[in-house]
Amino acid sequence: MALQLQLPRPPPLRLAAVRLPSPAAPARGASASATALRARAGGVAFSLQTNVRLLKPNRRVRRSRDPYYDLDEDEDDEDQEFEEEDDDEGYDSDDDMSGLEYPGVLYSNSPRAPSKRPGLQTPLIKENWEGRQPKTRDKYGSPEKIKSLHPRSKVGRSSPDLMNMDSEVDLKNESISRSLFQKLQEEYDFDDKWLPLVDYLCTFGLKESHFTYIYERHMACFQISQASAEERLAFLLNAGVKSKDMKRILVRQPQILEYTLSNLKSHVDFLVSIGVPSTRIGQVISSAPSMFSYSVEQSLKPTVRYLIEEVGIEESDVGKVVQLSPQILVQKIDSAWKSRSLFLSKELGAPKDSIVKMVTKHPQLLHYSIEDGILPRINFLRSIGMRNSDILKVLTSLTQVLSLSLEGNLKPKYLYLVNDLKNNVQALTKYPMYLSLSLDQRIRPRHRFLVSLKKAPKGPFPLSSFVPTDECFCQRWAGTSLEKYHTFRQSLLLTGFAEKSGRKTLVSRR
């Protein structure tokens, strides 16, 4: 009986942005003639697709790595990589396939690919590693062949000890890769010819769970040769992508292995053309790798035109906006802008130019949920006595307030403002930056340092003392050395940490 190969179910069709169609696939949505009429009419097409989740209301945004600010980047934990699954999932059928090496291949989006688990039938049965034919072992299994896949530089390694150590590392890596591939074969029927690619991707830290995840979503990626994958990833690394970020990119957007070099280069050239500095290209790619699945001409450029012509962002600011929020390129920009501008104009009476300033300074505003993110923070500012005009002034000056946690950030800072600094809420309209500064790293240490020196001004504590750098603060306000202040702050931080740890210990014992 002939064996039949069970193909994965194609993903469901969805409404999507205007994309470059596959050479082998008919156009989706409206008819070609209707599309042509709209094009001749001069209408601007823009992306209606999004690969980005609404940001969590209490999630800090990418703003600064300075510990004195509460707007520092929220690093993603390695165990949370798969939480980004919704970023791209469900849009595979609408991806621009013009840059794929095999544009006619459909991706697997099935809940579970064929498995060798007990009780499940598999269409093809492969022998395990030990049972492979000698020809296969000679082709991929020998240390010499695996070493040839990843030539390593031996410059400066003339010592026999170093050479032996390098050989031991090679053998260990080979053993790990071989063991992992054997597991993948037993579980998912991985083909022998996929070993070089798997072995190469292991150099970026991909583990068994990553390979199975990629296999279930985009099995066609494994049809790419190791040489082609290495060529494409090398291009991304040269463009500025950090090696440590490559694992996350491959998990979120595995079909990036299939895009041709010309496709990758056209997208990088597009980022340069809108004003993204070459030093930030890698960061933009790492934050929004799904950008490569969108057509530059039919999706990305119209999105930028929409930001300039409809939203009102200055052309010179577009590059900065994309750096602050790369996801804006793959977002439903029209609906996001219209809903949030309408809400702010009705809720606060915000004029368009103020809203444009907010988006330019903090484009993440277009990602935030109105009901769960923006409105609760506006209501909090109202609850502490701010009028709509005051709130509008604060948000225009510091839109990042909308990204701060209510319980863990805004409320503690407000309580410290009125109880310890003896200020009122009106002080925030003059110094809204106070809300962006770290309570533990800057506000409390400076306040208590001046109190300890008996140099704290009488009455309301001046919020302007929190704005300058540590050097300026010590010279102008404390009149002491920078070293003395840093010693005091470190002692204060250690005391606070000990108190928090003690409280946690007492709670756990109960």
Protein backbone atom coordinates (compact mmCIF):
# COMPACT_ATOMS: atom_id res chain seq x y z
CA MET A 1 0.00 0.00 0.00
CA ALA A 2 1.41 3.36 -0.94
CA LEU A 3 2.01 5.70 1.92
CA GLN A 4 0.16 9.00 1.83
CA LEU A 5 1.66 12.15 3.23
CA GLN A 6 -0.71 14.05 5.46
CA LEU A 7 -0.51 17.73 4.58
CA PRO A 8 -1.26 20.36 7.23
CA ARG A 9 -4.47 22.33 6.94
CA PRO A 10 -4.00 25.74 5.33
CA PRO A 11 -4.48 28.69 7.69
CA PRO A 12 -7.79 30.57 7.61
CA LEU A 13 -8.12 33.60 5.37
CA ARG A 14 -8.32 37.00 7.03
CA LEU A 15 -8.81 40.57 5.92
CA ALA A 16 -5.36 42.01 5.54
CA ALA A 17 -3.25 44.83 4.29
CA VAL A 18 -2.60 45.28 0.61
CA ARG A 19 0.20 42.82 -0.11
CA LEU A 20 2.23 41.71 -3.09
CA PRO A 21 0.46 38.53 -4.20
CA SER A 22 2.20 35.24 -4.71
CA PRO A 23 3.11 34.61 -8.33
CA ALA A 24 1.09 31.40 -8.17
CA ALA A 25 -1.83 32.72 -6.14
CA PRO A 26 -4.80 34.83 -7.26
CA ALA A 27 -5.40 38.22 -5.67
CA ARG A 28 -7.50 38.20 -2.49
CA GLY A 29 -10.37 40.46 -1.47
CA ALA A 30 -11.62 42.89 -4.05
CA SER A 31 -11.32 42.11 -7.72
CA ALA A 32 -8.26 43.14 -9.67
CA SER A 33 -10.30 45.57 -11.74
CA ALA A 34 -11.68 47.30 -8.66
CA THR A 35 -8.19 47.56 -7.24
CA ALA A 36 -6.94 49.08 -10.46
CA LEU A 37 -9.78 51.67 -10.43
CA ARG A 38 -8.91 52.72 -6.90
CA ALA A 39 -5.26 53.02 -7.87
CA ARG A 40 -6.10 55.22 -10.87
CA ALA A 41 -8.34 57.36 -8.67
CA GLY A 42 -5.27 58.33 -6.71
CA GLY A 43 -6.39 56.86 -3.41
CA VAL A 44 -3.74 56.13 -0.81
CA ALA A 45 -3.58 52.50 0.26
CA PHE A 46 -2.39 51.79 3.75
CA SER A 47 -1.85 48.75 5.89
CA LEU A 48 -4.88 47.48 7.78
CA GLN A 49 -3.04 44.53 9.23
CA THR A 50 -1.33 44.41 12.57
CA ASN A 51 1.09 41.98 14.13
CA VAL A 52 1.31 43.69 17.49
CA ARG A 53 -0.61 43.10 20.68
CA LEU A 54 -2.09 45.95 22.64
CA LEU A 55 0.53 46.69 25.22
CA LYS A 56 -0.28 45.82 28.79
CA PRO A 57 -1.43 48.98 30.57
CA ASN A 58 1.07 48.43 33.38
CA ARG A 59 3.97 47.51 31.14
CA ARG A 60 6.90 49.90 31.04
CA VAL A 61 7.88 51.14 27.64
CA ARG A 62 11.16 51.32 25.80
CA ARG A 63 12.45 54.70 26.73
CA SER A 64 15.70 54.72 28.64
CA ARG A 65 18.09 52.32 30.29
CA ASP A 66 18.87 54.92 32.96
CA PRO A 67 17.85 53.37 36.31
CA TYR A 68 16.78 56.82 37.50
CA TYR A 69 13.80 56.69 35.16
CA ASP A 70 10.79 54.44 35.33
CA LEU A 71 10.54 54.35 31.55
CA ASP A 72 13.39 51.94 30.98
CA GLU A 73 13.13 49.03 28.60
CA ASP A 74 11.19 46.03 29.81
CA GLU A 75 13.44 43.13 28.92
CA ASP A 76 11.65 40.00 27.76
CA ASP A 77 12.42 36.91 29.75
CA GLU A 78 13.61 33.92 27.78
CA ASP A 79 10.70 31.89 29.11
CA GLN A 80 8.21 34.46 27.79
CA GLU A 81 9.26 34.15 24.16
CA PHE A 82 6.21 32.18 23.23
CA GLU A 83 3.93 34.85 24.69
CA GLU A 84 4.66 36.80 21.52
CA GLU A 85 2.91 34.07 19.55
CA ASP A 86 -0.10 36.24 18.83
CA ASP A 87 2.07 38.89 17.23
CA ASP A 88 2.24 37.08 13.95
CA GLU A 89 -0.01 34.08 14.21
CA GLY A 90 -3.07 34.10 12.01
CA TYR A 91 -1.62 36.29 9.29
CA ASP A 92 0.51 33.72 7.53
CA SER A 93 -1.85 33.43 4.61
CA ASP A 94 -1.60 37.17 3.98
CA ASP A 95 2.15 37.48 4.06
CA ASP A 96 3.89 38.99 1.09
CA MET A 97 5.33 35.90 -0.55
CA SER A 98 7.19 37.75 -3.28
CA GLY A 99 10.40 37.60 -1.25
CA LEU A 100 10.20 33.91 -0.44
CA GLU A 101 12.57 31.41 -1.98
CA TYR A 102 9.60 29.07 -2.50
CA PRO A 103 6.60 31.44 -2.84
CA GLY A 104 4.17 28.64 -3.62
CA VAL A 105 4.72 26.85 -0.28
CA LEU A 106 1.96 27.11 2.27
CA TYR A 107 2.96 27.26 5.91
CA SER A 108 1.73 24.80 8.49
CA ASN A 109 -0.49 26.45 11.06
CA SER A 110 -2.08 23.32 12.46
CA PRO A 111 -2.48 22.87 16.22
CA ARG A 112 -0.23 19.84 16.10
CA ALA A 113 2.01 18.45 13.40
CA PRO A 114 2.34 14.68 12.80
CA SER A 115 3.88 13.06 15.84
CA LYS A 116 5.34 9.73 16.83
CA ARG A 117 3.70 9.73 20.22
CA PRO A 118 2.04 6.46 21.31
CA GLY A 119 -1.38 5.94 19.82
CA LEU A 120 -0.84 8.31 16.89
CA GLN A 121 -0.21 7.15 13.36
CA THR A 122 2.47 8.79 11.29
CA PRO A 123 2.60 8.69 7.50
CA LEU A 124 6.35 8.15 7.36
CA ILE A 125 8.60 6.23 9.75
CA LYS A 126 12.28 7.06 10.03
CA GLU A 127 14.98 5.16 11.76
CA ASN A 128 16.62 6.73 14.78
CA TRP A 129 20.13 8.16 14.69
CA GLU A 130 21.84 4.89 15.47
CA GLY A 131 19.86 3.08 12.77
CA ARG A 132 20.61 5.43 9.87
CA GLN A 133 22.26 4.21 6.75
CA PRO A 134 26.06 4.62 6.51
CA LYS A 135 25.63 7.01 3.60
CA THR A 136 23.69 9.41 5.77
CA ARG A 137 26.19 9.14 8.59
CA ASP A 138 29.07 9.81 6.19
CA LYS A 139 27.30 12.86 4.79
CA TYR A 140 26.36 14.62 7.99
CA GLY A 141 27.42 12.57 10.98
CA SER A 142 31.20 12.74 10.95
CA PRO A 143 32.99 15.39 12.98
CA GLU A 144 34.83 16.55 9.87
CA LYS A 145 31.63 17.24 7.96
CA ILE A 146 29.95 19.02 10.86
CA LYS A 147 33.04 21.13 11.40
CA SER A 148 33.02 22.06 7.73
CA LEU A 149 29.50 23.46 8.13
CA HIS A 150 30.78 25.97 10.70
CA PRO A 151 34.39 26.89 9.97
CA ARG A 152 35.93 28.51 13.01
CA SER A 153 38.79 30.97 13.00
CA LYS A 154 42.00 29.60 14.44
CA VAL A 155 43.84 32.92 14.54
CA GLY A 156 45.97 33.13 17.66
CA ARG A 157 45.43 29.47 18.63
CA SER A 158 48.87 28.03 18.12
CA SER A 159 49.05 26.41 21.54
CA PRO A 160 48.31 22.64 21.54
CA ASP A 161 46.27 23.06 24.71
CA LEU A 162 44.02 25.62 23.08
CA MET A 163 43.59 23.41 20.02
CA ASN A 164 42.66 20.45 22.18
CA MET A 165 40.22 22.59 24.13
CA ASP A 166 38.65 23.82 20.89
CA SER A 167 38.29 20.23 19.67
CA GLU A 168 36.58 19.25 22.91
CA VAL A 169 34.12 22.14 22.52
CA ASP A 170 33.43 21.08 18.92
CA LEU A 171 32.77 17.50 19.97
CA LYS A 172 30.52 18.64 22.80
CA ASN A 173 28.50 20.92 20.51
CA GLU A 174 28.30 18.13 17.95
CA SER A 175 27.02 15.76 20.60
CA ILE A 176 24.38 18.23 21.78
CA SER A 177 23.22 18.94 18.22
CA ARG A 178 23.13 15.23 17.36
CA SER A 179 21.17 14.35 20.49
CA LEU A 180 18.68 17.16 19.88
CA PHE A 181 18.18 16.15 16.26
CA GLN A 182 17.55 12.56 17.29
CA LYS A 183 14.79 13.72 19.64
CA LEU A 184 13.26 15.82 16.90
CA GLN A 185 13.32 12.85 14.54
CA GLU A 186 11.65 10.56 17.06
CA GLU A 187 8.95 13.14 17.83
CA TYR A 188 8.31 14.91 14.53
CA ASP A 189 9.83 12.91 11.66
CA PHE A 190 12.56 15.43 10.93
CA ASP A 191 14.25 14.69 7.63
CA ASP A 192 17.93 13.70 7.56
CA LYS A 193 18.72 16.58 5.23
CA TRP A 194 17.54 19.09 7.84
CA LEU A 195 20.46 18.32 10.15
CA PRO A 196 22.87 20.99 8.78
CA LEU A 197 20.22 23.70 9.17
CA VAL A 198 19.30 22.58 12.70
CA ASP A 199 22.97 22.37 13.59
CA TYR A 200 23.55 25.92 12.34
CA LEU A 201 20.51 27.38 14.13
CA CYS A 202 21.69 25.78 17.36
CA THR A 203 24.57 28.27 17.32
CA PHE A 204 22.01 30.99 18.10
CA GLY A 205 20.73 29.15 21.16
CA LEU A 206 17.64 27.50 19.72
CA LYS A 207 16.47 24.55 21.80
CA GLU A 208 14.20 21.59 21.19
CA SER A 209 11.09 23.56 22.18
CA HIS A 210 11.99 26.29 19.68
CA PHE A 211 12.41 23.84 16.80
CA THR A 212 9.13 22.06 17.54
CA TYR A 213 7.37 25.42 17.79
CA ILE A 214 8.77 26.53 14.44
CA TYR A 215 7.94 23.13 12.91
CA GLU A 216 4.31 23.37 13.97
CA ARG A 217 3.89 26.87 12.59
CA HIS A 218 6.20 26.98 9.56
CA MET A 219 7.44 23.55 8.59
CA ALA A 220 8.50 24.87 5.16
CA CYS A 221 11.35 26.78 6.82
CA PHE A 222 13.27 23.53 7.17
CA GLN A 223 13.34 23.13 3.40
CA ILE A 224 15.90 25.96 3.26
CA SER A 225 19.51 24.91 2.95
CA GLN A 226 22.00 25.71 5.68
CA ALA A 227 24.03 27.84 3.26
CA SER A 228 21.00 29.97 2.31
CA ALA A 229 19.97 30.43 5.93
CA GLU A 230 23.50 31.41 6.93
CA GLU A 231 23.66 33.93 4.08
CA ARG A 232 20.40 35.60 5.12
CA LEU A 233 21.08 35.69 8.82
CA ALA A 234 24.58 37.00 8.16
CA PHE A 235 22.98 39.90 6.27
CA LEU A 236 20.77 40.70 9.27
CA LEU A 237 23.75 40.53 11.61
CA ASN A 238 25.67 42.92 9.35
CA ALA A 239 22.63 45.22 9.35
CA GLY A 240 22.94 45.55 13.12
CA VAL A 241 20.86 42.72 14.58
CA LYS A 242 22.55 41.38 17.70
CA SER A 243 23.34 37.68 17.77
CA LYS A 244 21.54 37.30 21.12
CA ASP A 245 18.33 38.66 19.52
CA MET A 246 18.39 36.22 16.60
CA LYS A 247 16.74 33.42 18.58
CA ARG A 248 13.76 35.58 19.42
CA ILE A 249 13.46 36.76 15.81
CA LEU A 250 13.52 33.19 14.48
CA VAL A 251 10.85 32.08 16.93
CA ARG A 252 8.58 35.04 16.25
CA GLN A 253 9.14 35.16 12.48
CA PRO A 254 10.66 31.85 11.34
CA GLN A 255 9.75 32.46 7.70
CA ILE A 256 12.50 35.07 7.70
CA LEU A 257 14.72 32.15 6.71
CA GLU A 258 12.81 31.93 3.43
CA TYR A 259 12.98 35.54 2.33
CA THR A 260 15.48 36.27 -0.39
CA LEU A 261 18.41 38.61 0.13
CA SER A 262 16.86 41.14 -2.24
CA ASN A 263 13.71 41.22 -0.09
CA LEU A 264 15.70 41.71 3.12
CA LYS A 265 17.83 44.43 1.53
CA SER A 266 14.82 46.34 0.19
CA HIS A 267 13.33 46.54 3.68
CA VAL A 268 16.61 47.69 5.23
CA ASP A 269 16.96 50.33 2.49
CA PHE A 270 13.41 51.48 3.27
CA LEU A 271 14.28 52.01 6.94
CA VAL A 272 17.30 54.06 5.94
CA SER A 273 15.20 56.12 3.51
CA ILE A 274 12.75 57.23 6.22
CA GLY A 275 15.52 58.42 8.49
CA VAL A 276 16.31 55.47 10.77
CA PRO A 277 20.06 55.68 11.60
CA SER A 278 22.15 52.69 10.59
CA THR A 279 23.01 52.18 14.27
CA ARG A 280 19.33 51.58 15.07
CA ILE A 281 18.38 49.37 12.11
CA GLY A 282 19.10 46.18 14.05
CA GLN A 283 16.93 47.27 16.97
CA VAL A 284 13.99 48.04 14.66
CA ILE A 285 14.31 44.62 12.98
CA SER A 286 14.52 42.82 16.33
CA SER A 287 11.41 44.62 17.61
CA ALA A 288 9.29 44.07 14.49
CA PRO A 289 10.66 41.18 12.40
CA SER A 290 7.23 40.69 10.84
CA MET A 291 7.98 43.87 8.87
CA PHE A 292 9.68 41.65 6.27
CA SER A 293 6.35 39.99 5.44
CA TYR A 294 4.89 43.33 4.31
CA SER A 295 5.43 44.76 0.86
CA VAL A 296 7.56 47.90 0.91
CA GLU A 297 5.70 49.51 -1.97
CA GLN A 298 2.14 48.42 -1.19
CA SER A 299 2.14 48.44 2.61
CA LEU A 300 5.10 50.09 4.39
CA LYS A 301 5.39 53.20 2.24
CA PRO A 302 1.61 53.85 2.30
CA THR A 303 1.74 53.52 6.09
CA VAL A 304 4.42 56.19 6.26
CA ARG A 305 2.41 58.41 3.90
CA TYR A 306 -0.59 58.00 6.17
CA LEU A 307 1.45 59.06 9.21
CA ILE A 308 2.56 62.19 7.37
CA GLU A 309 -0.60 63.15 5.45
CA GLU A 310 -3.40 61.99 7.75
CA VAL A 311 -1.91 61.93 11.25
CA GLY A 312 0.19 65.03 10.71
CA ILE A 313 3.63 63.83 11.78
CA GLU A 314 6.47 65.83 10.28
CA GLU A 315 8.39 63.95 7.60
CA SER A 316 11.62 64.65 9.48
CA ASP A 317 10.16 62.94 12.59
CA VAL A 318 9.06 59.70 10.91
CA GLY A 319 12.40 57.99 11.47
CA LYS A 320 12.29 58.87 15.17
CA VAL A 321 8.71 57.62 15.47
CA VAL A 322 9.64 54.26 13.91
CA GLN A 323 12.65 53.95 16.22
CA LEU A 324 10.45 54.53 19.28
CA SER A 325 7.78 52.10 18.08
CA PRO A 326 8.78 49.83 15.17
CA GLN A 327 5.42 48.04 15.46
CA ILE A 328 3.75 51.13 14.04
CA LEU A 329 4.80 49.91 10.58
CA VAL A 330 2.70 46.74 10.92
CA GLN A 331 -0.22 48.17 12.87
CA LYS A 332 -3.77 49.01 11.86
CA ILE A 333 -2.63 52.58 11.80
CA ASP A 334 -5.83 54.12 10.43
CA SER A 335 -8.22 52.66 13.02
CA ALA A 336 -5.69 53.15 15.84
CA TRP A 337 -5.24 56.83 15.03
CA LYS A 338 -8.91 57.60 14.47
CA SER A 339 -10.16 55.89 17.63
CA ARG A 340 -7.55 57.41 19.96
CA SER A 341 -7.64 60.92 18.50
CA LEU A 342 -11.44 60.90 18.71
CA PHE A 343 -11.32 59.67 22.32
CA LEU A 344 -8.78 62.28 23.47
CA SER A 345 -10.61 65.11 21.72
CA LYS A 346 -13.93 64.16 23.35
CA GLU A 347 -12.56 63.16 26.77
CA LEU A 348 -10.09 66.03 27.30
CA GLY A 349 -10.92 68.49 24.55
CA ALA A 350 -7.50 67.87 23.05
CA PRO A 351 -6.82 69.71 19.77
CA LYS A 352 -5.24 67.77 16.92
CA ASP A 353 -1.84 69.43 17.23
CA SER A 354 -1.58 68.29 20.88
CA ILE A 355 -2.47 64.73 19.92
CA VAL A 356 0.11 64.80 17.12
CA LYS A 357 2.73 65.91 19.66
CA MET A 358 1.76 62.98 21.89
CA VAL A 359 2.12 60.48 19.05
CA THR A 360 5.42 61.98 17.92
CA LYS A 361 6.91 61.81 21.42
CA HIS A 362 5.36 58.48 22.35
CA PRO A 363 3.93 56.55 19.35
CA GLN A 364 3.18 53.62 21.66
CA LEU A 365 0.03 55.63 22.44
CA LEU A 366 -1.47 54.11 19.31
CA HIS A 367 -1.00 50.63 20.79
CA TYR A 368 -2.61 51.24 24.19
CA SER A 369 -6.09 50.02 24.96
CA ILE A 370 -8.47 52.91 25.59
CA GLU A 371 -10.61 51.10 28.17
CA ASP A 372 -7.82 49.32 30.05
CA GLY A 373 -4.87 51.65 29.51
CA ILE A 374 -5.60 55.29 28.66
CA LEU A 375 -8.90 55.92 30.48
CA PRO A 376 -7.86 54.49 33.91
CA ARG A 377 -4.82 56.79 34.00
CA ILE A 378 -6.84 59.82 33.02
CA ASN A 379 -9.35 58.97 35.75
CA PHE A 380 -6.52 58.62 38.27
CA LEU A 381 -5.23 62.10 37.45
CA ARG A 382 -8.77 63.38 37.86
CA SER A 383 -9.10 61.64 41.20
CA ILE A 384 -6.12 63.52 42.64
CA GLY A 385 -7.62 66.87 41.68
CA MET A 386 -6.44 67.58 38.15
CA ARG A 387 -8.72 69.32 35.68
CA ASN A 388 -8.95 68.24 32.06
CA SER A 389 -6.75 71.16 30.99
CA ASP A 390 -4.09 70.11 33.53
CA ILE A 391 -4.25 66.49 32.39
CA LEU A 392 -3.89 67.56 28.76
CA LYS A 393 -0.83 69.65 29.67
CA VAL A 394 0.77 66.72 31.50
CA LEU A 395 0.05 64.22 28.72
CA THR A 396 1.28 66.56 25.99
CA SER A 397 4.52 67.12 27.90
CA LEU A 398 4.95 63.53 29.12
CA THR A 399 2.76 61.10 27.20
CA GLN A 400 4.71 58.20 28.78
CA VAL A 401 2.51 58.65 31.86
CA LEU A 402 -0.01 56.48 30.03
CA SER A 403 2.47 53.58 30.15
CA LEU A 404 3.11 53.67 33.91
CA SER A 405 1.55 51.26 36.38
CA LEU A 406 -1.14 52.76 38.59
CA GLU A 407 -0.47 50.71 41.72
CA GLY A 408 3.28 50.25 41.37
CA ASN A 409 4.22 53.68 40.04
CA LEU A 410 1.77 56.59 39.81
CA LYS A 411 0.02 56.15 43.17
CA PRO A 412 3.22 55.67 45.27
CA LYS A 413 4.81 58.73 43.66
CA TYR A 414 1.73 60.84 44.29
CA LEU A 415 1.57 59.76 47.94
CA TYR A 416 5.26 60.57 48.38
CA LEU A 417 4.65 63.94 46.72
CA VAL A 418 1.96 65.02 49.19
CA ASN A 419 3.04 63.19 52.36
CA ASP A 420 6.84 63.49 52.28
CA LEU A 421 7.58 66.34 49.90
CA LYS A 422 4.63 68.43 51.16
CA ASN A 423 3.61 69.41 47.62
CA ASN A 424 0.19 69.65 46.03
CA VAL A 425 -1.05 68.24 42.76
CA GLN A 426 -0.56 71.56 40.95
CA ALA A 427 3.20 70.99 41.18
CA LEU A 428 2.83 68.13 38.68
CA THR A 429 1.55 70.43 35.96
CA LYS A 430 4.77 72.44 36.27
CA TYR A 431 7.09 69.44 36.63
CA PRO A 432 5.34 66.45 35.01
CA MET A 433 8.77 64.80 34.64
CA TYR A 434 8.49 63.96 38.34
CA LEU A 435 6.17 61.11 37.35
CA SER A 436 8.79 59.59 35.05
CA LEU A 437 11.61 59.55 37.62
CA SER A 438 12.37 56.52 39.73
CA LEU A 439 11.07 56.82 43.28
CA ASP A 440 13.72 54.48 44.71
CA GLN A 441 16.68 55.52 42.57
CA ARG A 442 16.28 59.29 42.41
CA ILE A 443 13.35 60.94 44.24
CA ARG A 444 13.65 59.41 47.71
CA PRO A 445 17.50 59.36 47.86
CA ARG A 446 17.86 63.02 46.91
CA HIS A 447 15.13 64.14 49.26
CA ARG A 448 16.48 62.21 52.24
CA PHE A 449 20.07 63.17 51.47
CA LEU A 450 19.22 66.85 51.72
CA VAL A 451 17.22 66.17 54.88
CA SER A 452 20.21 64.38 56.42
CA LEU A 453 22.43 67.36 55.57
CA LYS A 454 19.77 69.72 56.98
CA LYS A 455 19.71 71.47 53.63
CA ALA A 456 16.15 70.61 52.69
CA PRO A 457 14.20 73.80 51.95
CA LYS A 458 11.37 74.66 54.29
CA GLY A 459 7.86 74.18 52.98
CA PRO A 460 7.15 72.25 49.77
CA PHE A 461 10.23 70.40 48.59
CA PRO A 462 11.31 71.78 45.17
CA LEU A 463 10.69 69.25 42.41
CA SER A 464 13.29 71.04 40.30
CA SER A 465 15.98 69.40 42.47
CA PHE A 466 15.10 66.01 40.97
CA VAL A 467 15.62 67.09 37.35
CA PRO A 468 19.39 67.74 37.00
CA THR A 469 22.09 65.09 36.90
CA ASP A 470 23.74 63.74 40.05
CA GLU A 471 26.75 65.99 39.50
CA CYS A 472 24.62 69.13 39.18
CA PHE A 473 22.51 68.10 42.15
CA CYS A 474 25.56 67.68 44.37
CA GLN A 475 27.06 71.00 43.29
CA ARG A 476 23.93 73.14 43.36
CA TRP A 477 21.73 71.62 46.05
CA ALA A 478 23.83 69.43 48.36
CA GLY A 479 27.21 71.16 48.19
CA THR A 480 28.98 67.82 48.66
CA SER A 481 30.98 65.38 46.59
CA LEU A 482 29.35 63.00 44.17
CA GLU A 483 30.98 60.08 45.98
CA LYS A 484 29.34 61.03 49.28
CA TYR A 485 25.90 61.14 47.69
CA HIS A 486 26.39 57.80 45.92
CA THR A 487 27.47 56.20 49.20
CA PHE A 488 24.35 57.53 50.93
CA ARG A 489 22.07 56.36 48.12
CA GLN A 490 23.62 52.89 48.08
CA SER A 491 23.11 52.56 51.83
CA LEU A 492 19.51 53.69 51.49
CA LEU A 493 18.85 51.19 48.70
CA LEU A 494 20.35 48.33 50.71
CA THR A 495 18.26 49.27 53.75
CA GLY A 496 15.11 49.38 51.63
CA PHE A 497 15.93 46.04 50.04
CA ALA A 498 16.51 44.46 53.47
CA GLU A 499 13.18 45.82 54.74
CA LYS A 500 11.30 44.47 51.72
CA SER A 501 13.02 41.09 52.01
CA GLY A 502 12.19 40.94 55.71
CA ARG A 503 8.55 41.67 55.06
CA LYS A 504 8.40 39.00 52.37
CA THR A 505 10.00 36.48 54.72
CA LEU A 506 7.50 37.24 57.47
CA VAL A 507 4.60 36.92 55.07
CA SER A 508 5.89 33.58 53.73
CA ARG A 509 6.28 32.19 57.27
CA ARG A 510 2.70 33.01 58.04
